């Protein structure tokens, strides 16, 4: 396999679009998610359209041993990962004290632990080669607290902070780390997070457009990229540091209440 990208959460949405973009522009793929049928369908589509080699790995990344097993599978096949794209993640709406701990713990395991563990497994080889690119899919949610999605917003704050920090640690190498911060995007996320009937997702942006913005930013070695946000949302994000905290919290809460 050549110019290989490892993409988690590749069965649908932004992850699937990133896989197609990489296949069209750059090289081969290792695609990871729980839904094997969807991964196999994506594999067939990519192989027929772009004549790329695609390895499917179906696994639950919330399992404690998942990152090690994933690394062992790839290493055992002699595959070099040139591009690491940590896309897997999910959210969930509701008051923290009313949501099940099992759901929020799984969210933390996937959004934070799996992303960090996978990065730790594959980054050393990139540094040793002095070549490689990492794209971590965060969210505009990382820029503010998120009442009614308290854990999700907090996990994404971690992703952006972690990505920026290790990017600076690698400043004297040719390895780059980019944080993609999408706004409301037309994927399965809204349905799974119970966000379909909220103001935030009233006008969701194309998953392809968001994925393309992230991919191009990764290839350019950018630190951050915000994609899939309206003009009004851009203005709100610019004013986050200026708004009184209580006003910001109230506004974010109202955006996530069901209509």
Foldseek 3Di string as FASTA:
>chain_A
DPQEEEFEPCLWFLNVLLQLVCLQPPAAYEYEEQDQVSVVVSQVVSCVPRVGHYHYDHDLLLDPCVLVVVLCVCVVVVHAHQEYELEDAAFAFDAPVPDDPVVLSSRCSRLPVSVVSNCVSRVVVCQVVLGHFYEYEAALLLLAAAGRGRSNSVSSVVVLVVQLVVQVVCVVGNYAGEYQHEFAAPICRCVVRVQCQFQRNPPWHYSNQSSVQRVVCRVVRHHYDYDGDDPVVVVCSVCVVPDDNVVNRVVNHRRRDGD
